[in-house]
Structures are given as C-alpha cells and as structure tokens.
C-alpha cells in the first residue's frame, strides 16, 4: 500500500490596524502637549508636521522647579484591540530614551508604559501589549500588566532626569 503525502502549507495572514499614519494632510489639532509646567516645571515642547508630513515632537527638558518631563497626548475614538498583540511605531529619534503610554479609558488615573531607545535612524519599535506595565507619577504600581480590550489614549513622553533637548519624528503607529 502506498501513501501519498501532501504537504500542507498554512498561511498566516498578518492583520494590522493603523492608529495614526502621519502625512502632509494629517490633522494634529487633537495632539496635546502636557509638560511638567502642570506641576511648576519649566520644560517646553511642540508638536508639528514637518515638510515630509511626519509628526515632530521636539523641545527642551528642564529640571528647574522639580520638573523634568515633556509629553504629547492623543485621545482617539475607542479602538477595539482584542485581535492584536503589539503596537509597531515607525519613528526616527535622537538617540534618547522615550516612553510610549496607552490608556484603555482616557479617564483612567494611570497609563500603561513601555520604554524604548532611539538610534538616530529610522526604526520600527515593536511593543508587545502584554509587556506594558502600569505606572502612576513615574512609579510602577502593583497592578497587572496591560490586558485590556480597548485603547482610547496614546502618549509619548521623555523624562530622563537630565536637562536635554530632544526630537522625535513619527511616521506611523500600527496595531499588529
């Protein structure tokens, strides 16, 4: 008796959902700067589109008056993320460390955080959602890592405990 073996090839379809794709016509009015001035600090920053249509978060961190951070926040329509496991961000940094933060609900008092380093070149940062940890006022809190079904807010933050200028250029943010 002869057996016929037919190889079965399984294709996995990579499904992705774009959160933000920056281009020359992107409306950035809902991107809001939140600096340490909310607590008396003196850091400054801006968020603009450059000539290529990328989002550019730039500024200067000051440790004066117990300051030391700058962030840009975007509240979006609640996105169902049940079928996704990671966020991929295409960006060009300045060699500094940044945080990417998410909230399931914009009224939650703590975000979930992932820290990433930039190289000075274009790169794709992959952040597994399950690795994002809860933090409040710069301290990790005793709660489980992110396991939510929705995202309603994203934020980029820099706060490396030193006076420094920074520049982060964003191309897109995608769920995979």
N, C-alpha and C. Protein backbone atom coordinates (compact mmCIF):
# COMPACT_ATOMS: atom_id res chain seq x y z
N UNK A 1 0.84 -1.17 0.00
CA UNK A 1 0.00 0.00 0.00
C UNK A 1 0.89 1.24 0.00
N UNK A 2 0.60 2.14 -0.86
CA UNK A 2 1.38 3.38 -0.97
C UNK A 2 0.57 4.52 -0.37
N UNK A 3 1.30 5.37 0.36
CA UNK A 3 0.66 6.56 0.94
C UNK A 3 1.14 7.78 0.19
N UNK A 4 0.24 8.64 -0.04
CA UNK A 4 0.57 9.88 -0.71
C UNK A 4 0.60 10.98 0.34
N UNK A 5 1.76 11.58 0.50
CA UNK A 5 1.90 12.67 1.46
C UNK A 5 1.83 14.00 0.72
N UNK A 6 0.89 14.77 1.12
CA UNK A 6 0.73 16.09 0.52
C UNK A 6 1.07 17.12 1.58
N UNK A 7 2.10 17.89 1.32
CA UNK A 7 2.45 18.91 2.32
C UNK A 7 1.35 19.97 2.42
N UNK A 8 1.06 20.32 3.62
CA UNK A 8 0.06 21.35 3.86
C UNK A 8 0.80 22.61 4.28
N UNK A 9 0.53 23.65 3.59
CA UNK A 9 1.16 24.93 3.90
C UNK A 9 0.11 25.83 4.52
N UNK A 10 0.41 26.29 5.70
CA UNK A 10 -0.52 27.19 6.37
C UNK A 10 -0.01 28.61 6.23
N UNK A 11 -0.87 29.45 5.80
CA UNK A 11 -0.52 30.85 5.66
C UNK A 11 -1.14 31.61 6.81
N UNK A 12 -0.34 32.41 7.44
CA UNK A 12 -0.90 33.24 8.48
C UNK A 12 -1.02 34.64 7.92
N UNK A 13 -2.21 35.14 7.99
CA UNK A 13 -2.45 36.47 7.47
C UNK A 13 -2.18 37.47 8.58
N UNK A 14 -1.27 38.36 8.34
CA UNK A 14 -0.96 39.37 9.33
C UNK A 14 -1.97 40.50 9.17
N UNK A 15 -2.76 40.65 10.20
CA UNK A 15 -3.78 41.69 10.19
C UNK A 15 -3.23 42.87 10.98
N UNK A 16 -3.37 44.04 10.42
CA UNK A 16 -2.91 45.22 11.15
C UNK A 16 -3.98 46.31 11.07
N UNK A 17 -3.92 47.21 12.01
CA UNK A 17 -4.84 48.34 12.06
C UNK A 17 -4.02 49.59 12.35
N UNK A 18 -4.14 50.57 11.48
CA UNK A 18 -3.40 51.81 11.65
C UNK A 18 -4.10 52.69 12.67
N UNK A 19 -3.34 53.12 13.68
CA UNK A 19 -3.85 54.08 14.65
C UNK A 19 -3.65 55.48 14.10
N UNK A 20 -2.44 55.77 13.66
CA UNK A 20 -2.11 57.07 13.07
C UNK A 20 -1.11 56.85 11.94
N UNK A 21 -1.38 57.49 10.81
CA UNK A 21 -0.44 57.48 9.69
C UNK A 21 -0.21 58.95 9.32
N UNK A 22 0.93 59.47 9.74
CA UNK A 22 1.20 60.89 9.51
C UNK A 22 1.49 61.15 8.04
N UNK A 23 0.93 62.25 7.53
CA UNK A 23 1.21 62.71 6.18
C UNK A 23 0.95 64.21 6.16
N UNK A 24 1.14 64.82 5.01
CA UNK A 24 1.05 66.28 4.91
C UNK A 24 -0.34 66.83 5.23
N UNK A 25 -1.36 65.99 5.17
CA UNK A 25 -2.72 66.46 5.44
C UNK A 25 -3.27 65.98 6.79
N UNK A 26 -2.43 65.33 7.60
CA UNK A 26 -2.89 64.84 8.91
C UNK A 26 -3.28 66.01 9.80
N UNK A 27 -4.45 65.89 10.40
CA UNK A 27 -4.92 66.90 11.35
C UNK A 27 -4.30 66.58 12.71
N UNK A 28 -3.45 67.46 13.21
CA UNK A 28 -2.79 67.21 14.50
C UNK A 28 -3.36 68.09 15.62
N UNK A 29 -4.52 68.71 15.38
CA UNK A 29 -5.11 69.58 16.39
C UNK A 29 -5.40 68.87 17.71
N UNK A 30 -5.69 67.57 17.66
CA UNK A 30 -6.03 66.84 18.88
C UNK A 30 -4.82 66.24 19.60
N UNK A 31 -3.62 66.52 19.09
CA UNK A 31 -2.40 66.13 19.79
C UNK A 31 -2.10 67.27 20.78
N UNK A 32 -2.07 66.94 22.06
CA UNK A 32 -1.97 67.95 23.11
C UNK A 32 -0.65 67.80 23.87
N UNK A 33 0.06 68.90 24.02
CA UNK A 33 1.30 68.92 24.80
C UNK A 33 0.95 68.96 26.29
N UNK A 34 1.60 68.10 27.07
CA UNK A 34 1.47 68.13 28.52
C UNK A 34 2.90 68.07 29.07
N UNK A 35 3.37 69.22 29.57
CA UNK A 35 4.73 69.31 30.11
C UNK A 35 4.69 69.40 31.62
N UNK A 36 5.87 69.40 32.22
CA UNK A 36 5.97 69.49 33.68
C UNK A 36 5.49 70.83 34.24
N UNK A 37 5.13 71.78 33.39
CA UNK A 37 4.61 73.06 33.87
C UNK A 37 3.32 72.85 34.67
N UNK A 38 2.64 71.71 34.45
CA UNK A 38 1.43 71.41 35.21
C UNK A 38 1.73 71.25 36.71
N UNK A 39 3.01 71.07 37.05
CA UNK A 39 3.42 70.94 38.46
C UNK A 39 4.53 71.93 38.80
N UNK A 40 4.66 73.00 38.01
CA UNK A 40 5.64 74.04 38.31
C UNK A 40 6.94 73.97 37.56
N UNK A 41 7.14 72.95 36.72
CA UNK A 41 8.38 72.80 35.97
C UNK A 41 8.49 73.80 34.83
N UNK A 42 9.62 73.73 34.11
CA UNK A 42 9.88 74.71 33.05
C UNK A 42 10.24 74.08 31.70
N UNK A 43 9.94 72.80 31.51
CA UNK A 43 10.22 72.15 30.23
C UNK A 43 9.28 72.70 29.16
N UNK A 44 9.76 72.70 27.92
CA UNK A 44 8.96 73.21 26.80
C UNK A 44 8.97 72.20 25.65
N UNK A 45 7.90 72.20 24.87
CA UNK A 45 7.88 71.33 23.70
C UNK A 45 6.79 71.77 22.74
N UNK A 46 6.89 71.24 21.51
CA UNK A 46 5.88 71.49 20.47
C UNK A 46 5.63 70.18 19.73
N UNK A 47 4.52 70.14 19.01
CA UNK A 47 4.21 69.02 18.12
C UNK A 47 3.70 69.62 16.83
N UNK A 48 4.39 69.34 15.73
CA UNK A 48 4.06 69.90 14.43
C UNK A 48 4.26 68.85 13.35
N UNK A 49 3.75 69.15 12.16
CA UNK A 49 4.07 68.34 10.98
C UNK A 49 5.26 68.97 10.28
N UNK A 50 6.21 68.15 9.83
CA UNK A 50 7.33 68.69 9.06
C UNK A 50 6.98 68.70 7.57
N UNK A 51 7.90 69.13 6.73
CA UNK A 51 7.65 69.25 5.29
C UNK A 51 7.34 67.90 4.64
N UNK A 52 7.82 66.80 5.23
CA UNK A 52 7.55 65.47 4.69
C UNK A 52 6.23 64.89 5.18
N UNK A 53 5.57 65.59 6.11
CA UNK A 53 4.31 65.10 6.65
C UNK A 53 4.45 64.23 7.88
N UNK A 54 5.62 64.20 8.48
CA UNK A 54 5.82 63.43 9.71
C UNK A 54 5.45 64.29 10.92
N UNK A 55 4.96 63.63 11.97
CA UNK A 55 4.73 64.32 13.23
C UNK A 55 6.06 64.52 13.93
N UNK A 56 6.33 65.73 14.42
CA UNK A 56 7.60 66.02 15.08
C UNK A 56 7.33 66.57 16.48
N UNK A 57 7.77 65.80 17.47
CA UNK A 57 7.68 66.17 18.88
C UNK A 57 9.07 66.62 19.29
N UNK A 58 9.22 67.90 19.61
CA UNK A 58 10.54 68.45 19.90
C UNK A 58 10.45 69.42 21.06
N UNK A 59 11.57 69.60 21.76
CA UNK A 59 11.57 70.54 22.87
C UNK A 59 12.82 70.46 23.70
N UNK A 60 12.68 70.97 24.93
CA UNK A 60 13.82 71.01 25.86
C UNK A 60 13.32 70.68 27.27
N UNK A 61 13.98 69.71 27.87
CA UNK A 61 13.65 69.30 29.24
C UNK A 61 14.48 70.13 30.21
N UNK A 62 13.81 70.64 31.22
CA UNK A 62 14.46 71.40 32.29
C UNK A 62 14.15 70.75 33.63
N UNK A 63 15.16 70.60 34.46
CA UNK A 63 14.96 70.06 35.80
C UNK A 63 14.62 71.16 36.82
N UNK A 64 14.58 72.42 36.36
CA UNK A 64 14.25 73.53 37.26
C UNK A 64 12.88 73.32 37.89
N UNK A 65 12.74 73.77 39.14
CA UNK A 65 11.47 73.70 39.89
C UNK A 65 10.94 72.27 39.98
N UNK A 66 11.84 71.29 40.12
CA UNK A 66 11.46 69.88 40.22
C UNK A 66 10.75 69.36 38.97
N UNK A 67 11.05 69.96 37.81
CA UNK A 67 10.48 69.49 36.56
C UNK A 67 11.29 68.34 36.00
N UNK A 68 11.04 68.04 34.72
CA UNK A 68 11.85 67.01 34.10
C UNK A 68 11.14 66.13 33.09
N UNK A 69 9.96 66.55 32.60
CA UNK A 69 9.34 65.73 31.57
C UNK A 69 8.56 66.59 30.59
N UNK A 70 8.35 66.00 29.42
CA UNK A 70 7.52 66.60 28.39
C UNK A 70 6.79 65.46 27.69
N UNK A 71 5.54 65.70 27.31
CA UNK A 71 4.79 64.65 26.62
C UNK A 71 3.83 65.25 25.60
N UNK A 72 3.41 64.39 24.67
CA UNK A 72 2.37 64.75 23.72
C UNK A 72 1.35 63.62 23.74
N UNK A 73 0.07 64.00 23.89
CA UNK A 73 -1.02 63.05 24.09
C UNK A 73 -2.02 63.15 22.94
N UNK A 74 -2.56 61.99 22.58
CA UNK A 74 -3.60 61.94 21.56
C UNK A 74 -4.73 61.05 22.06
N UNK A 75 -5.90 61.64 22.21
CA UNK A 75 -7.09 60.88 22.57
C UNK A 75 -7.83 60.54 21.29
N UNK A 76 -8.15 59.27 21.13
CA UNK A 76 -8.78 58.82 19.91
C UNK A 76 -10.11 58.15 20.20
N UNK A 77 -10.85 57.88 19.14
CA UNK A 77 -12.06 57.09 19.30
C UNK A 77 -11.63 55.73 19.84
N UNK A 78 -12.36 55.21 20.80
CA UNK A 78 -12.01 53.93 21.43
C UNK A 78 -11.79 52.87 20.34
N UNK A 79 -10.62 52.22 20.37
CA UNK A 79 -10.25 51.19 19.39
C UNK A 79 -10.30 49.83 20.07
N UNK A 80 -11.01 48.90 19.45
CA UNK A 80 -11.04 47.53 19.94
C UNK A 80 -9.73 46.86 19.50
N UNK A 81 -8.97 46.36 20.46
CA UNK A 81 -7.66 45.78 20.15
C UNK A 81 -7.58 44.29 20.48
N UNK A 82 -8.72 43.64 20.67
CA UNK A 82 -8.75 42.23 21.09
C UNK A 82 -7.93 41.31 20.20
N UNK A 83 -7.90 41.58 18.90
CA UNK A 83 -7.20 40.68 17.97
C UNK A 83 -5.74 41.04 17.72
N UNK A 84 -5.22 42.02 18.46
CA UNK A 84 -3.84 42.48 18.24
C UNK A 84 -2.98 42.17 19.46
N UNK A 85 -1.69 41.99 19.22
CA UNK A 85 -0.78 41.66 20.32
C UNK A 85 0.32 42.69 20.53
N UNK A 86 0.50 43.58 19.55
CA UNK A 86 1.58 44.55 19.70
C UNK A 86 1.28 45.85 18.95
N UNK A 87 2.01 46.86 19.34
CA UNK A 87 1.98 48.15 18.66
C UNK A 87 3.34 48.33 17.99
N UNK A 88 3.33 48.75 16.73
CA UNK A 88 4.57 48.99 15.99
C UNK A 88 4.58 50.47 15.61
N UNK A 89 5.67 51.14 15.99
CA UNK A 89 5.80 52.58 15.74
C UNK A 89 7.00 52.81 14.83
N UNK A 90 6.76 53.43 13.69
CA UNK A 90 7.87 53.80 12.81
C UNK A 90 8.26 55.22 13.17
N UNK A 91 9.53 55.40 13.55
CA UNK A 91 9.97 56.70 14.04
C UNK A 91 11.45 56.89 13.81
N UNK A 92 11.86 58.13 13.99
CA UNK A 92 13.28 58.48 13.96
C UNK A 92 13.53 59.34 15.20
N UNK A 93 14.36 58.83 16.09
CA UNK A 93 14.66 59.56 17.32
C UNK A 93 16.01 60.23 17.25
N UNK A 94 16.49 60.58 18.41
CA UNK A 94 17.73 61.34 18.53
C UNK A 94 18.75 60.62 19.42
N UNK A 95 18.57 59.31 19.59
CA UNK A 95 19.47 58.54 20.43
C UNK A 95 19.07 58.52 21.90
N UNK A 96 17.94 59.13 22.23
CA UNK A 96 17.49 59.20 23.63
C UNK A 96 16.41 58.16 23.89
N UNK A 97 16.11 57.96 25.19
CA UNK A 97 15.04 57.05 25.61
C UNK A 97 13.74 57.83 25.73
N UNK A 98 12.66 57.16 25.34
CA UNK A 98 11.31 57.72 25.42
C UNK A 98 10.39 56.67 26.02
N UNK A 99 9.21 57.11 26.41
CA UNK A 99 8.16 56.21 26.83
C UNK A 99 7.00 56.32 25.86
N UNK A 100 6.38 55.16 25.57
CA UNK A 100 5.11 55.13 24.87
C UNK A 100 4.09 54.68 25.90
N UNK A 101 2.97 55.41 26.00
CA UNK A 101 1.97 55.15 27.02
C UNK A 101 0.60 54.97 26.37
N UNK A 102 -0.19 54.09 26.95
CA UNK A 102 -1.56 53.90 26.48
C UNK A 102 -2.51 53.89 27.67
N UNK A 103 -3.76 54.21 27.39
CA UNK A 103 -4.84 54.07 28.36
C UNK A 103 -6.02 53.41 27.66
N UNK A 104 -6.69 52.51 28.37
CA UNK A 104 -7.92 51.91 27.86
C UNK A 104 -9.04 52.92 27.86
N UNK A 105 -9.03 53.76 28.86
CA UNK A 105 -10.03 54.79 29.01
C UNK A 105 -9.30 56.06 29.38
N UNK A 106 -9.56 57.15 28.70
CA UNK A 106 -8.80 58.38 28.95
C UNK A 106 -8.97 58.90 30.37
N UNK A 107 -10.02 58.47 31.07
CA UNK A 107 -10.22 58.93 32.45
C UNK A 107 -9.51 58.06 33.48
N UNK A 108 -8.87 56.96 33.06
CA UNK A 108 -8.09 56.14 33.99
C UNK A 108 -7.00 56.99 34.61
N UNK A 109 -6.71 56.78 35.88
CA UNK A 109 -5.70 57.62 36.52
C UNK A 109 -4.27 57.15 36.26
N UNK A 110 -4.09 55.95 35.75
CA UNK A 110 -2.72 55.53 35.42
C UNK A 110 -2.67 54.95 34.01
N UNK A 111 -1.54 55.20 33.32
CA UNK A 111 -1.32 54.63 31.99
C UNK A 111 -0.51 53.34 32.08
N UNK A 112 -0.41 52.65 30.95
CA UNK A 112 0.50 51.52 30.80
C UNK A 112 1.65 52.00 29.93
N UNK A 113 2.86 51.59 30.31
CA UNK A 113 4.07 52.18 29.76
C UNK A 113 5.00 51.13 29.15
N UNK A 114 5.67 51.55 28.07
CA UNK A 114 6.81 50.82 27.52
C UNK A 114 7.89 51.85 27.23
N UNK A 115 9.11 51.57 27.66
CA UNK A 115 10.24 52.45 27.39
C UNK A 115 11.00 51.91 26.19
N UNK A 116 11.44 52.82 25.33
CA UNK A 116 12.22 52.39 24.17
C UNK A 116 13.35 53.36 23.92
N UNK A 117 14.40 52.86 23.30
CA UNK A 117 15.56 53.68 22.94
C UNK A 117 15.52 53.97 21.45
N UNK A 118 16.01 55.14 21.09
CA UNK A 118 16.08 55.50 19.68
C UNK A 118 17.54 55.49 19.22
N UNK A 119 17.73 55.34 17.91
CA UNK A 119 19.07 55.16 17.37
C UNK A 119 19.60 56.36 16.58
N UNK A 120 18.73 57.31 16.27
CA UNK A 120 19.13 58.41 15.39
C UNK A 120 18.80 58.12 13.93
N UNK A 121 18.37 56.90 13.64
CA UNK A 121 17.97 56.47 12.30
C UNK A 121 16.49 56.09 12.34
N UNK A 122 15.89 55.91 11.16
CA UNK A 122 14.53 55.40 11.11
C UNK A 122 14.51 53.98 11.65
N UNK A 123 13.53 53.68 12.47
CA UNK A 123 13.42 52.34 13.04
C UNK A 123 11.96 52.02 13.31
N UNK A 124 11.66 50.73 13.43
CA UNK A 124 10.33 50.28 13.83
C UNK A 124 10.45 49.71 15.23
N UNK A 125 9.75 50.35 16.14
CA UNK A 125 9.74 49.91 17.54
C UNK A 125 8.55 48.99 17.72
N UNK A 126 8.77 47.76 18.16
CA UNK A 126 7.68 46.82 18.41
C UNK A 126 7.47 46.70 19.91
N UNK A 127 6.24 46.96 20.34
CA UNK A 127 5.91 46.93 21.76
C UNK A 127 4.80 45.90 21.98
N UNK A 128 5.12 44.76 22.61
CA UNK A 128 4.07 43.80 22.95
C UNK A 128 3.13 44.42 23.99
N UNK A 129 1.84 44.39 23.71
CA UNK A 129 0.87 45.00 24.62
C UNK A 129 0.95 44.37 26.01
N UNK A 130 1.16 43.06 26.09
CA UNK A 130 1.20 42.37 27.38
C UNK A 130 2.40 42.77 28.24
N UNK A 131 3.40 43.41 27.64
CA UNK A 131 4.59 43.84 28.38
C UNK A 131 4.46 45.26 28.93
N UNK A 132 3.40 45.96 28.57
CA UNK A 132 3.23 47.33 29.04
C UNK A 132 2.77 47.29 30.50
N UNK A 133 3.49 48.01 31.35
CA UNK A 133 3.22 47.94 32.79
C UNK A 133 2.55 49.23 33.28
N UNK A 134 1.77 49.12 34.37
CA UNK A 134 1.07 50.30 34.90
C UNK A 134 2.01 51.17 35.74
N UNK A 135 1.82 52.47 35.61
CA UNK A 135 2.66 53.42 36.34
C UNK A 135 1.84 54.64 36.70
N UNK A 136 2.15 55.23 37.85
CA UNK A 136 1.49 56.46 38.27
C UNK A 136 2.54 57.41 38.80
N UNK A 137 2.61 58.60 38.22
CA UNK A 137 3.58 59.63 38.59
C UNK A 137 5.01 59.10 38.62
N UNK A 138 5.35 58.35 37.58
CA UNK A 138 6.71 57.88 37.40
C UNK A 138 7.09 56.64 38.19
N UNK A 139 6.13 56.05 38.88
CA UNK A 139 6.42 54.84 39.67
C UNK A 139 5.52 53.69 39.23
N UNK A 140 6.15 52.54 39.08
CA UNK A 140 5.39 51.34 38.75
C UNK A 140 4.44 51.03 39.90
N UNK A 141 3.21 50.69 39.57
CA UNK A 141 2.25 50.36 40.63
C UNK A 141 1.95 48.86 40.62
N UNK A 142 1.43 48.39 41.74
CA UNK A 142 1.18 46.97 41.92
C UNK A 142 -0.16 46.56 41.29
N UNK A 143 -0.17 46.53 39.99
CA UNK A 143 -1.32 46.10 39.20
C UNK A 143 -0.78 45.22 38.07
N UNK A 144 -1.63 44.38 37.49
CA UNK A 144 -1.15 43.54 36.37
C UNK A 144 -0.78 44.38 35.15
N UNK A 145 0.06 43.82 34.29
CA UNK A 145 0.38 44.45 33.01
C UNK A 145 -0.88 44.59 32.16
N UNK A 146 -0.76 45.33 31.08
CA UNK A 146 -1.92 45.62 30.23
C UNK A 146 -2.56 44.34 29.71
N UNK A 147 -3.87 44.26 29.82
CA UNK A 147 -4.63 43.14 29.26
C UNK A 147 -5.99 43.61 28.78
N UNK A 148 -6.09 44.90 28.49
CA UNK A 148 -7.37 45.48 28.09
C UNK A 148 -7.78 45.12 26.68
N UNK A 149 -9.02 45.44 26.38
CA UNK A 149 -9.59 45.18 25.06
C UNK A 149 -9.68 46.43 24.20
N UNK A 150 -9.36 47.59 24.80
CA UNK A 150 -9.52 48.85 24.09
C UNK A 150 -8.35 49.79 24.37
N UNK A 151 -8.14 50.72 23.45
CA UNK A 151 -7.21 51.84 23.66
C UNK A 151 -7.99 53.11 23.31
N UNK A 152 -7.86 54.10 24.19
CA UNK A 152 -8.53 55.37 23.95
C UNK A 152 -7.56 56.55 23.99
N UNK A 153 -6.33 56.29 24.43
CA UNK A 153 -5.34 57.37 24.50
C UNK A 153 -3.95 56.80 24.30
N UNK A 154 -3.13 57.55 23.53
CA UNK A 154 -1.72 57.23 23.39
C UNK A 154 -0.92 58.47 23.74
N UNK A 155 0.33 58.25 24.17
CA UNK A 155 1.16 59.39 24.57
C UNK A 155 2.63 59.01 24.41
N UNK A 156 3.42 60.00 24.00
CA UNK A 156 4.87 59.87 24.01
C UNK A 156 5.38 60.79 25.10
N UNK A 157 6.34 60.31 25.88
CA UNK A 157 6.88 61.09 26.99
C UNK A 157 8.39 60.93 27.03
N UNK A 158 9.08 62.03 27.34
CA UNK A 158 10.51 61.98 27.61
C UNK A 158 10.73 62.56 29.00
N UNK A 159 11.53 61.87 29.79
CA UNK A 159 11.85 62.31 31.14
C UNK A 159 13.02 61.51 31.66
N UNK A 160 14.20 61.84 31.20
CA UNK A 160 15.41 61.06 31.51
C UNK A 160 16.21 61.61 32.69
N UNK A 161 15.58 62.46 33.49
CA UNK A 161 16.20 63.02 34.70
C UNK A 161 17.45 63.83 34.40
N UNK A 162 17.41 64.56 33.27
CA UNK A 162 18.51 65.47 32.95
C UNK A 162 18.02 66.57 32.02
N UNK A 163 18.72 67.70 32.06
CA UNK A 163 18.44 68.79 31.14
C UNK A 163 18.89 68.34 29.75
N UNK A 164 17.99 68.41 28.78
CA UNK A 164 18.37 67.99 27.43
C UNK A 164 17.35 68.47 26.41
N UNK A 165 17.83 68.67 25.19
CA UNK A 165 16.95 68.94 24.05
C UNK A 165 16.59 67.59 23.45
N UNK A 166 15.44 67.54 22.79
CA UNK A 166 15.00 66.27 22.20
C UNK A 166 14.23 66.51 20.91
N UNK A 167 14.19 65.43 20.09
CA UNK A 167 13.42 65.47 18.85
C UNK A 167 13.04 64.04 18.47
N UNK A 168 11.74 63.83 18.34
CA UNK A 168 11.21 62.53 17.96
C UNK A 168 10.31 62.73 16.74
N UNK A 169 10.65 62.06 15.63
CA UNK A 169 9.90 62.19 14.38
C UNK A 169 9.07 60.92 14.19
N UNK A 170 7.76 61.08 13.98
CA UNK A 170 6.84 59.94 13.89
C UNK A 170 6.30 59.79 12.47
N UNK A 171 6.31 58.55 11.98
CA UNK A 171 5.76 58.26 10.66
C UNK A 171 4.40 57.57 10.78
N UNK A 172 4.32 56.49 11.57
CA UNK A 172 3.04 55.84 11.78
C UNK A 172 3.03 55.00 13.05
N UNK A 173 1.81 54.67 13.49
CA UNK A 173 1.60 53.84 14.68
C UNK A 173 0.54 52.82 14.28
N UNK A 174 0.90 51.53 14.39
CA UNK A 174 0.05 50.46 13.86
C UNK A 174 -0.11 49.36 14.91
N UNK A 175 -1.31 48.79 14.98
CA UNK A 175 -1.56 47.60 15.79
C UNK A 175 -1.32 46.38 14.92
N UNK A 176 -0.65 45.37 15.47
CA UNK A 176 -0.45 44.10 14.74
C UNK A 176 -0.77 42.95 15.65
